[in-house]
N, C-alpha and C. Protein backbone atom coordinates (compact mmCIF):
# COMPACT_ATOMS: atom_id res chain seq x y z
N MET A 1 99.54 122.49 78.89
CA MET A 1 98.76 123.16 77.84
C MET A 1 99.12 124.62 77.84
N THR A 2 99.28 125.11 76.65
CA THR A 2 99.58 126.56 76.55
C THR A 2 98.34 127.34 76.95
N SER A 3 98.62 128.54 77.48
CA SER A 3 97.46 129.42 77.88
C SER A 3 96.71 129.85 76.66
N ASP A 4 97.36 130.01 75.47
CA ASP A 4 96.70 130.39 74.25
C ASP A 4 95.65 129.34 73.86
N LEU A 5 96.03 128.07 73.96
CA LEU A 5 95.12 127.00 73.58
C LEU A 5 93.94 126.92 74.55
N ALA A 6 94.20 127.05 75.85
CA ALA A 6 93.15 127.03 76.87
C ALA A 6 92.21 128.21 76.60
N GLN A 7 92.73 129.37 76.25
CA GLN A 7 91.88 130.54 75.97
C GLN A 7 91.08 130.29 74.72
N LEU A 8 91.68 129.77 73.70
CA LEU A 8 90.96 129.46 72.46
C LEU A 8 89.80 128.48 72.69
N LEU A 9 90.06 127.43 73.46
CA LEU A 9 89.00 126.49 73.79
C LEU A 9 87.85 127.17 74.51
N GLY A 10 88.15 128.06 75.42
CA GLY A 10 87.10 128.79 76.09
C GLY A 10 86.32 129.71 75.20
N GLU A 11 86.98 130.38 74.30
CA GLU A 11 86.32 131.22 73.34
C GLU A 11 85.40 130.43 72.39
N LEU A 12 85.95 129.33 71.86
CA LEU A 12 85.15 128.47 70.99
C LEU A 12 83.95 127.87 71.72
N ARG A 13 84.15 127.48 72.98
CA ARG A 13 83.05 126.93 73.79
C ARG A 13 81.91 127.99 73.88
N ALA A 14 82.29 129.22 74.14
CA ALA A 14 81.28 130.32 74.25
C ALA A 14 80.60 130.56 72.89
N ASP A 15 81.34 130.54 71.79
CA ASP A 15 80.75 130.75 70.48
C ASP A 15 79.80 129.61 70.14
N LEU A 16 80.14 128.39 70.44
CA LEU A 16 79.24 127.23 70.20
C LEU A 16 78.00 127.35 71.05
N ALA A 17 78.12 127.74 72.29
CA ALA A 17 76.97 127.90 73.18
C ALA A 17 76.02 128.98 72.68
N ALA A 18 76.61 130.05 72.11
CA ALA A 18 75.77 131.12 71.60
C ALA A 18 74.97 130.67 70.39
N ASP A 19 75.44 129.65 69.70
CA ASP A 19 74.78 129.17 68.47
C ASP A 19 73.94 127.91 68.74
N GLU A 20 73.72 127.53 70.00
CA GLU A 20 72.93 126.36 70.30
C GLU A 20 71.48 126.69 69.96
N PRO A 21 70.71 125.75 69.53
CA PRO A 21 70.96 124.33 69.44
C PRO A 21 71.65 123.86 68.12
N ALA A 22 71.79 124.78 67.13
CA ALA A 22 72.41 124.39 65.87
C ALA A 22 73.77 123.76 66.00
N SER A 23 74.62 124.35 66.87
CA SER A 23 75.98 123.87 67.00
C SER A 23 76.07 122.48 67.64
N LEU A 24 75.08 122.06 68.35
CA LEU A 24 75.09 120.72 68.98
C LEU A 24 75.18 119.61 67.93
N ALA A 25 74.80 119.90 66.73
CA ALA A 25 74.84 118.89 65.68
C ALA A 25 76.30 118.53 65.24
N TYR A 26 77.24 119.46 65.46
CA TYR A 26 78.58 119.20 64.98
C TYR A 26 79.66 119.37 66.02
N ALA A 27 79.37 119.95 67.17
CA ALA A 27 80.45 120.16 68.15
C ALA A 27 79.95 120.50 69.52
N GLN A 28 80.80 120.15 70.50
CA GLN A 28 80.54 120.53 71.87
C GLN A 28 81.87 120.49 72.62
N ILE A 29 82.19 121.55 73.32
CA ILE A 29 83.41 121.56 74.11
C ILE A 29 83.06 121.59 75.58
N GLY A 30 83.43 120.59 76.28
CA GLY A 30 83.05 120.47 77.70
C GLY A 30 83.67 121.57 78.57
N ASP A 31 83.00 121.87 79.64
CA ASP A 31 83.54 122.81 80.64
C ASP A 31 84.83 122.20 81.23
N PRO A 32 85.68 123.00 81.80
CA PRO A 32 86.82 122.46 82.46
C PRO A 32 86.49 121.47 83.54
N ALA A 33 87.26 120.37 83.62
CA ALA A 33 87.03 119.41 84.69
C ALA A 33 87.54 119.93 86.04
N ASP A 34 87.01 119.45 87.09
CA ASP A 34 87.50 119.75 88.44
C ASP A 34 88.78 118.93 88.60
N ALA A 35 89.76 119.53 89.18
CA ALA A 35 91.10 118.84 89.35
C ALA A 35 90.91 117.47 90.06
N GLY A 36 90.03 117.35 90.95
CA GLY A 36 89.80 116.09 91.65
C GLY A 36 89.22 114.99 90.78
N ASP A 37 88.58 115.39 89.65
CA ASP A 37 87.98 114.42 88.74
C ASP A 37 88.94 113.88 87.66
N VAL A 38 90.13 114.46 87.62
CA VAL A 38 91.12 114.06 86.66
C VAL A 38 92.17 113.17 87.31
N PRO A 39 92.32 111.94 86.91
CA PRO A 39 93.28 111.05 87.60
C PRO A 39 94.70 111.62 87.51
N ALA A 40 95.37 111.61 88.65
CA ALA A 40 96.74 112.16 88.74
C ALA A 40 97.74 111.42 87.88
N GLU A 41 97.47 110.13 87.60
CA GLU A 41 98.42 109.36 86.85
C GLU A 41 98.41 109.60 85.33
N LEU A 42 97.48 110.39 84.87
CA LEU A 42 97.44 110.68 83.44
C LEU A 42 98.60 111.58 83.01
N PRO A 43 99.06 111.42 81.78
CA PRO A 43 100.15 112.25 81.32
C PRO A 43 99.76 113.75 81.46
N ALA A 44 100.74 114.59 81.75
CA ALA A 44 100.50 115.99 82.01
C ALA A 44 99.74 116.70 80.91
N GLY A 45 100.07 116.47 79.65
CA GLY A 45 99.36 117.13 78.53
C GLY A 45 97.90 116.79 78.51
N LEU A 46 97.56 115.53 78.80
CA LEU A 46 96.15 115.14 78.85
C LEU A 46 95.43 115.74 80.07
N ARG A 47 96.11 115.73 81.17
CA ARG A 47 95.51 116.36 82.40
C ARG A 47 95.18 117.80 82.08
N ASP A 48 96.15 118.52 81.50
CA ASP A 48 95.95 119.90 81.22
C ASP A 48 94.77 120.15 80.25
N LEU A 49 94.67 119.27 79.24
CA LEU A 49 93.51 119.38 78.31
C LEU A 49 92.21 119.21 79.01
N LEU A 50 92.13 118.20 79.87
CA LEU A 50 90.87 117.95 80.59
C LEU A 50 90.53 119.05 81.57
N LEU A 51 91.55 119.69 82.10
CA LEU A 51 91.31 120.82 83.01
C LEU A 51 90.87 122.10 82.24
N ALA A 52 91.07 122.07 80.91
CA ALA A 52 90.62 123.20 80.09
C ALA A 52 89.31 122.90 79.40
N ALA A 53 89.16 121.60 79.02
CA ALA A 53 87.93 121.14 78.30
C ALA A 53 87.75 119.66 78.63
N ASP A 54 86.75 119.37 79.47
CA ASP A 54 86.53 117.98 79.87
C ASP A 54 85.65 117.31 78.77
N GLY A 55 86.31 116.87 77.76
CA GLY A 55 85.61 116.25 76.62
C GLY A 55 85.43 117.27 75.51
N LEU A 56 85.64 116.77 74.28
CA LEU A 56 85.61 117.67 73.14
C LEU A 56 85.07 116.88 71.96
N ARG A 57 83.97 117.26 71.44
CA ARG A 57 83.43 116.70 70.19
C ARG A 57 83.46 117.79 69.15
N ALA A 58 84.24 117.57 68.09
CA ALA A 58 84.45 118.56 67.07
C ALA A 58 84.39 117.85 65.72
N GLY A 59 83.25 117.87 65.08
CA GLY A 59 83.09 117.19 63.81
C GLY A 59 83.36 115.72 63.99
N ALA A 60 84.33 115.19 63.24
CA ALA A 60 84.65 113.72 63.31
C ALA A 60 85.55 113.35 64.49
N PHE A 61 86.02 114.34 65.25
CA PHE A 61 86.88 114.06 66.39
C PHE A 61 86.04 114.03 67.63
N GLU A 62 86.40 113.12 68.50
CA GLU A 62 85.84 113.09 69.89
C GLU A 62 86.96 112.72 70.85
N LEU A 63 87.32 113.69 71.65
CA LEU A 63 88.32 113.49 72.70
C LEU A 63 87.58 113.20 73.96
N ALA A 64 87.90 112.13 74.63
CA ALA A 64 87.16 111.64 75.77
C ALA A 64 87.25 112.55 76.99
N SER A 65 86.18 112.64 77.73
CA SER A 65 86.17 113.35 79.00
C SER A 65 86.89 112.48 80.05
N ALA A 66 87.17 113.07 81.19
CA ALA A 66 87.79 112.29 82.26
C ALA A 66 86.95 111.07 82.67
N GLY A 67 85.64 111.25 82.68
CA GLY A 67 84.74 110.18 83.04
C GLY A 67 84.61 109.07 81.97
N ARG A 68 84.87 109.40 80.73
CA ARG A 68 84.72 108.42 79.63
C ARG A 68 86.04 107.87 79.15
N LEU A 69 87.15 108.35 79.71
CA LEU A 69 88.49 107.91 79.26
C LEU A 69 88.70 106.41 79.42
N ALA A 70 88.32 105.89 80.55
CA ALA A 70 88.50 104.44 80.79
C ALA A 70 87.69 103.58 79.80
N GLY A 71 86.56 104.11 79.39
CA GLY A 71 85.68 103.40 78.48
C GLY A 71 86.17 103.27 77.02
N VAL A 72 87.18 104.05 76.65
CA VAL A 72 87.65 103.95 75.28
C VAL A 72 88.96 103.16 75.19
N GLN A 73 89.45 102.66 76.30
CA GLN A 73 90.75 101.97 76.31
C GLN A 73 90.65 100.57 75.63
N TYR A 74 89.45 100.10 75.37
CA TYR A 74 89.31 98.78 74.72
C TYR A 74 89.97 98.78 73.35
N PHE A 75 90.14 99.92 72.70
CA PHE A 75 90.78 99.99 71.41
C PHE A 75 92.23 99.41 71.46
N LEU A 76 92.84 99.49 72.66
CA LEU A 76 94.17 98.90 72.82
C LEU A 76 94.26 97.45 72.46
N ASP A 77 93.18 96.74 72.78
CA ASP A 77 93.14 95.28 72.52
C ASP A 77 93.04 94.91 71.08
N TYR A 78 92.66 95.88 70.22
CA TYR A 78 92.46 95.57 68.80
C TYR A 78 93.58 96.09 67.92
N ALA A 79 94.60 96.71 68.48
CA ALA A 79 95.74 97.22 67.73
C ALA A 79 96.42 96.04 66.96
N PRO A 80 96.79 96.25 65.73
CA PRO A 80 97.50 95.25 64.97
C PRO A 80 98.77 94.79 65.62
N ASP A 81 99.13 93.54 65.40
CA ASP A 81 100.32 92.96 65.99
C ASP A 81 101.62 93.67 65.71
N PHE A 82 101.70 94.31 64.55
CA PHE A 82 102.97 95.01 64.21
C PHE A 82 103.20 96.29 64.98
N SER A 83 102.15 96.81 65.53
CA SER A 83 102.23 98.14 66.14
C SER A 83 102.85 98.08 67.54
N PRO A 84 103.51 99.17 67.91
CA PRO A 84 104.06 99.24 69.29
C PRO A 84 103.02 99.21 70.37
N VAL A 85 101.76 99.58 70.00
CA VAL A 85 100.68 99.54 70.99
C VAL A 85 100.44 98.11 71.42
N ARG A 86 100.45 97.16 70.52
CA ARG A 86 100.19 95.78 70.81
C ARG A 86 101.33 95.21 71.67
N GLN A 87 102.54 95.72 71.39
CA GLN A 87 103.72 95.19 72.09
C GLN A 87 103.85 95.69 73.56
N ASP A 88 103.23 96.87 73.83
CA ASP A 88 103.34 97.45 75.18
C ASP A 88 102.10 98.27 75.45
N LYS A 89 100.97 97.66 75.73
CA LYS A 89 99.74 98.40 75.95
C LYS A 89 99.83 99.42 77.07
N THR A 90 100.65 99.14 78.05
CA THR A 90 100.72 100.07 79.19
C THR A 90 101.43 101.39 78.81
N GLY A 91 102.13 101.40 77.69
CA GLY A 91 102.83 102.55 77.19
C GLY A 91 101.94 103.51 76.42
N TRP A 92 100.71 103.13 76.22
CA TRP A 92 99.81 103.90 75.36
C TRP A 92 98.49 104.15 76.05
N LEU A 93 97.82 105.24 75.58
CA LEU A 93 96.54 105.62 76.11
C LEU A 93 95.70 106.09 74.92
N VAL A 94 94.46 105.58 74.83
CA VAL A 94 93.56 106.07 73.83
C VAL A 94 92.87 107.37 74.38
N VAL A 95 93.07 108.44 73.63
CA VAL A 95 92.53 109.74 74.13
C VAL A 95 91.21 110.10 73.50
N GLY A 96 90.87 109.41 72.39
CA GLY A 96 89.62 109.69 71.70
C GLY A 96 89.58 109.00 70.40
N THR A 97 88.72 109.53 69.48
CA THR A 97 88.54 108.90 68.19
C THR A 97 88.45 109.97 67.07
N ARG A 98 88.77 109.49 65.91
CA ARG A 98 88.52 110.23 64.63
C ARG A 98 87.68 109.33 63.78
N SER A 99 86.43 109.75 63.55
CA SER A 99 85.55 108.91 62.80
C SER A 99 85.51 107.42 63.31
N ASP A 100 85.39 107.30 64.59
CA ASP A 100 85.30 105.99 65.28
C ASP A 100 86.61 105.18 65.23
N GLU A 101 87.71 105.78 64.83
CA GLU A 101 89.00 105.12 64.89
C GLU A 101 89.84 105.75 65.96
N PRO A 102 90.60 104.96 66.70
CA PRO A 102 91.29 105.48 67.91
C PRO A 102 92.44 106.46 67.61
N ILE A 103 92.62 107.38 68.56
CA ILE A 103 93.76 108.28 68.57
C ILE A 103 94.51 107.93 69.84
N PHE A 104 95.80 107.68 69.67
CA PHE A 104 96.62 107.18 70.76
C PHE A 104 97.57 108.24 71.26
N LEU A 105 97.84 108.21 72.52
CA LEU A 105 98.86 109.07 73.15
C LEU A 105 99.97 108.15 73.65
N GLU A 106 101.15 108.36 73.24
CA GLU A 106 102.30 107.59 73.71
C GLU A 106 102.70 108.20 75.08
N ARG A 107 102.54 107.41 76.17
CA ARG A 107 102.76 107.94 77.49
C ARG A 107 104.20 108.44 77.73
N ALA A 108 105.16 107.79 77.20
CA ALA A 108 106.57 108.20 77.48
C ALA A 108 106.95 109.50 76.83
N THR A 109 106.38 109.82 75.65
CA THR A 109 106.79 111.03 74.92
C THR A 109 105.72 112.07 74.85
N GLY A 110 104.43 111.66 75.02
CA GLY A 110 103.34 112.61 74.88
C GLY A 110 102.91 112.76 73.42
N ALA A 111 103.53 112.04 72.50
CA ALA A 111 103.17 112.15 71.08
C ALA A 111 101.85 111.53 70.78
N VAL A 112 101.18 112.03 69.79
CA VAL A 112 99.84 111.54 69.36
C VAL A 112 100.03 110.75 68.09
N TRP A 113 99.43 109.55 68.06
CA TRP A 113 99.55 108.63 66.92
C TRP A 113 98.20 108.18 66.47
N TYR A 114 98.19 107.62 65.23
CA TYR A 114 96.97 107.00 64.67
C TYR A 114 97.32 106.04 63.57
N PHE A 115 96.31 105.24 63.17
CA PHE A 115 96.44 104.34 62.04
C PHE A 115 95.87 105.10 60.87
N PRO A 116 96.71 105.51 59.92
CA PRO A 116 96.23 106.29 58.76
C PRO A 116 95.42 105.38 57.82
N PRO A 117 94.56 106.01 57.00
CA PRO A 117 93.81 105.23 56.07
C PRO A 117 94.69 104.45 55.06
N THR A 118 94.39 103.18 54.93
CA THR A 118 95.13 102.32 53.98
C THR A 118 94.21 101.54 53.08
N GLY A 119 92.94 101.87 53.08
CA GLY A 119 91.99 101.13 52.28
C GLY A 119 91.36 99.93 52.96
N THR A 120 91.70 99.80 54.27
CA THR A 120 91.16 98.69 55.05
C THR A 120 90.83 99.23 56.45
N GLU A 121 90.17 98.44 57.26
CA GLU A 121 89.87 98.89 58.61
C GLU A 121 91.16 99.15 59.39
N TRP A 122 91.13 100.09 60.34
CA TRP A 122 92.34 100.47 61.06
C TRP A 122 93.02 99.28 61.75
N PHE A 123 92.21 98.38 62.30
CA PHE A 123 92.80 97.24 63.05
C PHE A 123 93.37 96.17 62.16
N MET A 124 93.18 96.31 60.83
CA MET A 124 93.82 95.39 59.94
C MET A 124 94.82 96.11 59.05
N GLY A 125 95.08 97.38 59.35
CA GLY A 125 96.01 98.15 58.55
C GLY A 125 97.46 97.75 58.77
N ASP A 126 98.30 98.37 57.97
CA ASP A 126 99.73 98.07 58.07
C ASP A 126 100.58 99.30 58.28
N ALA A 127 99.95 100.40 58.73
CA ALA A 127 100.71 101.61 59.01
C ALA A 127 100.24 102.23 60.33
N PHE A 128 101.15 102.80 61.03
CA PHE A 128 100.91 103.46 62.31
C PHE A 128 101.83 104.65 62.33
N GLU A 129 101.29 105.86 62.43
CA GLU A 129 102.08 107.07 62.26
C GLU A 129 101.87 108.10 63.39
N GLU A 130 102.91 108.83 63.67
CA GLU A 130 102.82 109.94 64.60
C GLU A 130 102.14 111.13 63.87
N LEU A 131 101.14 111.66 64.55
CA LEU A 131 100.44 112.84 64.02
C LEU A 131 101.07 114.15 64.57
N ALA A 132 101.41 114.16 65.81
CA ALA A 132 101.90 115.39 66.44
C ALA A 132 102.81 115.01 67.58
N PRO A 133 103.75 115.92 67.92
CA PRO A 133 104.69 115.63 68.96
C PRO A 133 104.08 115.67 70.37
N ASP A 134 102.90 116.31 70.49
CA ASP A 134 102.23 116.41 71.80
C ASP A 134 100.74 116.68 71.55
N LEU A 135 99.97 116.59 72.60
CA LEU A 135 98.53 116.74 72.52
C LEU A 135 98.14 118.15 72.19
N ASP A 136 98.81 119.15 72.70
CA ASP A 136 98.55 120.56 72.38
C ASP A 136 98.63 120.80 70.89
N SER A 137 99.74 120.32 70.27
CA SER A 137 99.95 120.53 68.83
C SER A 137 98.85 119.81 68.04
N PHE A 138 98.51 118.65 68.48
CA PHE A 138 97.45 117.89 67.78
C PHE A 138 96.12 118.64 67.83
N VAL A 139 95.72 119.05 69.04
CA VAL A 139 94.48 119.77 69.17
C VAL A 139 94.44 121.06 68.37
N HIS A 140 95.55 121.81 68.52
CA HIS A 140 95.62 123.08 67.84
C HIS A 140 95.58 122.97 66.31
N TYR A 141 96.32 122.05 65.73
CA TYR A 141 96.42 121.95 64.30
C TYR A 141 95.33 121.07 63.66
N TYR A 142 95.08 119.88 64.19
CA TYR A 142 94.17 118.97 63.57
C TYR A 142 92.73 119.10 64.00
N VAL A 143 92.51 119.43 65.26
CA VAL A 143 91.12 119.52 65.74
C VAL A 143 90.58 120.95 65.57
N LEU A 144 91.42 121.93 65.85
CA LEU A 144 90.96 123.32 65.84
C LEU A 144 91.57 124.15 64.72
N GLY A 145 92.20 123.53 63.78
CA GLY A 145 92.90 124.27 62.74
C GLY A 145 92.89 123.68 61.35
N PRO A 146 93.83 124.15 60.54
CA PRO A 146 93.87 123.79 59.13
C PRO A 146 94.09 122.27 58.85
N GLY A 147 94.63 121.54 59.81
CA GLY A 147 94.86 120.14 59.62
C GLY A 147 93.60 119.29 59.68
N TYR A 148 92.48 119.89 60.13
CA TYR A 148 91.23 119.13 60.20
C TYR A 148 90.93 118.47 58.85
N ALA A 149 90.97 119.23 57.77
CA ALA A 149 90.61 118.69 56.43
C ALA A 149 91.64 117.66 55.94
N GLU A 150 92.82 117.65 56.50
CA GLU A 150 93.81 116.66 56.10
C GLU A 150 93.40 115.27 56.60
N LEU A 151 92.75 115.20 57.76
CA LEU A 151 92.38 113.92 58.37
C LEU A 151 90.91 113.58 58.22
N VAL A 152 90.09 114.56 57.94
CA VAL A 152 88.67 114.26 57.96
C VAL A 152 88.03 114.76 56.63
N THR A 153 87.56 115.97 56.61
CA THR A 153 86.86 116.52 55.45
C THR A 153 86.82 118.03 55.54
N ASP A 154 86.58 118.64 54.40
CA ASP A 154 86.35 120.08 54.45
C ASP A 154 84.90 120.40 54.15
N ASP A 155 84.03 119.44 54.40
CA ASP A 155 82.61 119.55 54.03
C ASP A 155 81.73 119.11 55.18
N ASP A 156 81.96 119.67 56.36
CA ASP A 156 81.05 119.36 57.47
C ASP A 156 80.87 120.63 58.32
N GLY A 157 80.02 120.54 59.30
CA GLY A 157 79.67 121.72 60.11
C GLY A 157 80.83 122.23 60.92
N TRP A 158 81.72 121.31 61.40
CA TRP A 158 82.86 121.76 62.20
C TRP A 158 83.82 122.54 61.31
N TYR A 159 84.09 122.01 60.13
CA TYR A 159 85.02 122.72 59.25
C TYR A 159 84.47 124.10 58.91
N ALA A 160 83.19 124.21 58.67
CA ALA A 160 82.54 125.51 58.36
C ALA A 160 82.68 126.44 59.56
N PHE A 161 82.53 125.93 60.76
CA PHE A 161 82.70 126.70 62.02
C PHE A 161 84.12 127.19 62.11
N LEU A 162 85.12 126.30 61.90
CA LEU A 162 86.47 126.73 61.94
C LEU A 162 86.78 127.81 60.94
N ASP A 163 86.17 127.72 59.77
CA ASP A 163 86.37 128.71 58.71
C ASP A 163 85.78 130.07 59.20
N ARG A 164 84.59 130.02 59.77
CA ARG A 164 83.95 131.27 60.24
C ARG A 164 84.80 131.94 61.35
N GLN A 165 85.50 131.08 62.12
CA GLN A 165 86.32 131.57 63.22
C GLN A 165 87.70 132.11 62.76
N GLY A 166 87.99 131.85 61.51
CA GLY A 166 89.29 132.27 60.94
C GLY A 166 90.45 131.36 61.36
N LEU A 167 90.19 130.12 61.70
CA LEU A 167 91.16 129.20 62.20
C LEU A 167 91.82 128.28 61.13
N LEU A 168 91.45 128.47 59.91
CA LEU A 168 91.96 127.59 58.86
C LEU A 168 93.14 128.19 58.07
N ASP A 169 93.50 129.40 58.41
CA ASP A 169 94.55 130.09 57.64
C ASP A 169 95.92 129.74 58.27
N GLU A 170 96.75 128.95 57.53
CA GLU A 170 98.02 128.51 58.00
C GLU A 170 99.05 129.64 57.96
N SER A 171 98.81 130.69 57.21
CA SER A 171 99.78 131.76 57.05
C SER A 171 100.14 132.39 58.38
N ASP A 172 99.21 132.47 59.29
CA ASP A 172 99.48 133.12 60.60
C ASP A 172 100.50 132.30 61.36
N GLU A 173 100.50 131.00 61.25
CA GLU A 173 101.40 130.11 61.98
C GLU A 173 102.78 130.11 61.33
N ASP A 174 102.84 130.38 60.05
CA ASP A 174 104.10 130.25 59.32
C ASP A 174 104.87 131.56 59.23
N GLU A 175 104.28 132.64 59.67
CA GLU A 175 104.98 133.94 59.57
C GLU A 175 106.09 134.00 60.58
N PRO A 176 107.30 134.47 60.15
CA PRO A 176 108.39 134.55 61.07
C PRO A 176 108.18 135.65 62.11
N ASP A 177 108.78 135.45 63.26
CA ASP A 177 108.66 136.47 64.32
C ASP A 177 109.57 137.62 63.94
N ASP A 178 109.23 138.85 64.41
CA ASP A 178 110.11 139.93 64.15
C ASP A 178 111.21 139.96 65.26
N GLU A 179 112.05 140.93 65.31
CA GLU A 179 113.23 140.94 66.21
C GLU A 179 112.88 140.73 67.65
N ASP A 180 111.75 141.30 68.15
CA ASP A 180 111.44 141.16 69.56
C ASP A 180 110.55 139.95 69.86
N GLY A 181 110.33 139.09 68.85
CA GLY A 181 109.59 137.85 69.09
C GLY A 181 108.11 137.95 68.88
N ALA A 182 107.62 139.14 68.53
CA ALA A 182 106.15 139.35 68.34
C ALA A 182 105.81 138.99 66.89
N GLN A 183 104.60 138.45 66.73
CA GLN A 183 104.11 138.20 65.38
C GLN A 183 103.78 139.55 64.72
N PRO A 184 104.01 139.71 63.42
CA PRO A 184 103.70 140.96 62.74
C PRO A 184 102.19 141.22 62.72
């Protein structure tokens, strides 16, 4: 996990805590997990996330804590037959949900995948797509950034919080670096 993302999670955790109890209705970012509570066999990106935020509920997203991770793996059993999840369950890990639909981590690559909306329930769908090349990118763009509205909505408490935090502006990410690598 990048130090920038870990720092952002800490800042957002503090801002949510300052706005409790109102913020509890739409989000909660867990404190960092103790290293001994995070299974060593988890992929590095997931371990790093849990060590920065042990569980994350952000609007329609819920990323499992170290203690709840085993409890969400049942989604693997319901993946459609066409999907690579069904063909090799050990190669995948459910890291959480989006509106009660699973978000998968491909163990070999660290990529984040999901079943996009097709007008039917996810387990009966006919599409399975990569969302991000790694968990950091997924969390940064879709959970904590402008991609949230692409997957969920722009009309909930979490989206409003992201907007107040200034995290929905894509222009900051798209600006080219200057000669010495610093953002303008």
